[in-house]
Protein backbone atom coordinates (compact mmCIF):
# COMPACT_ATOMS: atom_id res chain seq x y z
CA MET A 1 53.43 15.39 135.83
CA THR A 2 49.86 16.56 137.06
CA ASN A 3 46.80 17.31 135.11
CA SER A 4 47.49 21.11 135.80
CA ASP A 5 50.43 21.32 134.06
CA PRO A 6 50.77 24.06 131.26
CA ILE A 7 51.04 22.57 127.85
CA CYS A 8 53.62 23.94 125.45
CA PRO A 9 51.62 25.49 122.23
CA LEU A 10 54.79 24.86 119.87
CA CYS A 11 55.20 20.88 120.63
CA ASP A 12 51.99 20.17 122.80
CA ARG A 13 53.65 18.33 125.42
CA PRO A 14 53.18 19.15 129.30
CA ILE A 15 55.74 21.76 130.73
CA LEU A 16 57.27 20.29 133.83
CA ASP A 17 57.58 22.40 137.07
CA GLY A 18 60.35 24.50 135.93
CA GLY A 19 61.04 23.37 132.50
CA GLY A 20 59.12 26.22 131.20
CA SER A 21 60.42 29.55 129.33
CA LEU A 22 58.75 32.78 128.80
CA HIS A 23 58.96 33.45 125.02
CA HIS A 24 58.11 37.16 123.76
CA LEU A 25 56.12 36.49 120.30
CA ILE A 26 57.67 40.09 119.19
CA PRO A 27 61.09 40.24 120.53
CA LYS A 28 61.59 42.80 123.10
CA LEU A 29 64.35 44.40 121.06
CA LYS A 30 61.80 44.86 118.38
CA GLY A 31 59.23 46.33 119.99
CA GLY A 32 57.96 43.77 121.93
CA LYS A 33 58.04 44.77 125.22
CA GLY A 34 54.78 44.38 127.54
CA GLY A 35 53.98 42.60 124.12
CA PRO A 36 52.06 38.94 124.35
CA THR A 37 54.41 35.96 125.72
CA VAL A 38 54.00 32.46 125.82
CA LEU A 39 55.21 29.53 127.94
CA LEU A 40 57.48 27.30 125.91
CA HIS A 41 59.44 24.52 126.96
CA GLN A 42 63.07 25.68 127.36
CA ILE A 43 64.35 23.21 124.61
CA CYS A 44 61.78 24.53 122.24
CA HIS A 45 62.21 28.15 123.08
CA LYS A 46 66.16 27.79 122.43
CA GLU A 47 65.31 25.86 119.01
CA VAL A 48 63.26 29.03 117.93
CA HIS A 49 65.85 31.30 118.61
CA ALA A 50 68.70 28.80 117.15
CA THR A 51 66.46 29.17 114.08
CA LEU A 52 65.27 32.36 113.54
CA THR A 53 66.73 36.02 114.14
CA GLU A 54 64.87 39.04 116.05
CA ALA A 55 63.97 40.77 112.84
CA GLU A 56 62.57 37.31 111.62
CA LEU A 57 60.61 36.57 114.67
CA ALA A 58 59.47 40.34 114.39
CA ARG A 59 58.76 40.29 110.90
CA ASP A 60 57.11 36.85 109.89
CA PHE A 61 57.24 34.76 112.95
CA HIS A 62 55.24 36.25 115.62
CA THR A 63 52.59 33.75 116.44
CA ILE A 64 52.67 30.09 116.90
CA GLU A 65 51.21 29.34 113.83
CA ALA A 66 53.64 30.80 111.98
CA LEU A 67 56.66 29.23 114.04
CA ARG A 68 55.02 25.60 113.85
CA SER A 69 55.24 26.23 109.83
CA HIS A 70 59.01 27.16 109.63
CA PRO A 71 60.76 23.92 107.94
CA ARG A 72 63.58 23.65 110.70
CA LEU A 73 61.05 23.97 113.29
CA GLU A 74 58.60 21.80 111.96
CA LYS A 75 61.26 19.05 111.26
CA PHE A 76 62.23 19.72 115.30
CA LEU A 77 58.68 19.87 116.56
CA ASN A 78 57.97 16.65 114.83
CA TRP A 79 61.41 15.33 116.60
CA VAL A 80 60.81 16.42 119.99
CA ARG A 81 57.26 15.05 120.27
CA LYS A 82 58.27 11.85 121.10
CA ARG A 83 60.38 12.73 123.56
CA PRO A 84 59.27 12.72 127.35
CA PRO A 85 57.86 15.80 128.67
CA GLY A 86 60.86 16.58 130.93
CA PHE A 87 63.56 15.88 128.09
CA ARG A 88 66.60 18.30 127.85
CA SER A 89 69.25 18.25 125.21
CA LYS A 90 71.76 21.03 123.88
CA VAL A 91 70.84 22.68 120.57
CA PRO A 92 73.41 22.61 118.33
CA GLY A 93 74.78 25.62 116.98
CA LYS A 94 75.32 29.15 118.21
CA ARG A 95 71.75 31.38 118.75
CA ARG A 96 71.26 33.46 115.50
CA GLY A 97 72.03 37.03 115.53
CA ARG A 98 69.71 40.17 116.58
């Protein structure tokens, strides 16, 4: 862990080398290709897509603030913040539909 590690905007933990995943704030399939992206922990990114459909992301959850306010994501973030930055786990359940 170094001071130059990027910080995950969802959980506020450092993203260690190779532990990040680029998230399109507006899904590519919903017109977000070339749009704004943020670097998230892989586990945070997987949880976002396990929780919300592409349509929900495009319509209501296309900002970090909105994602943080979703009840399931809020509960997940409170849990994952207590884990070390390199923590990885399988996200239960399947990815939500597009």
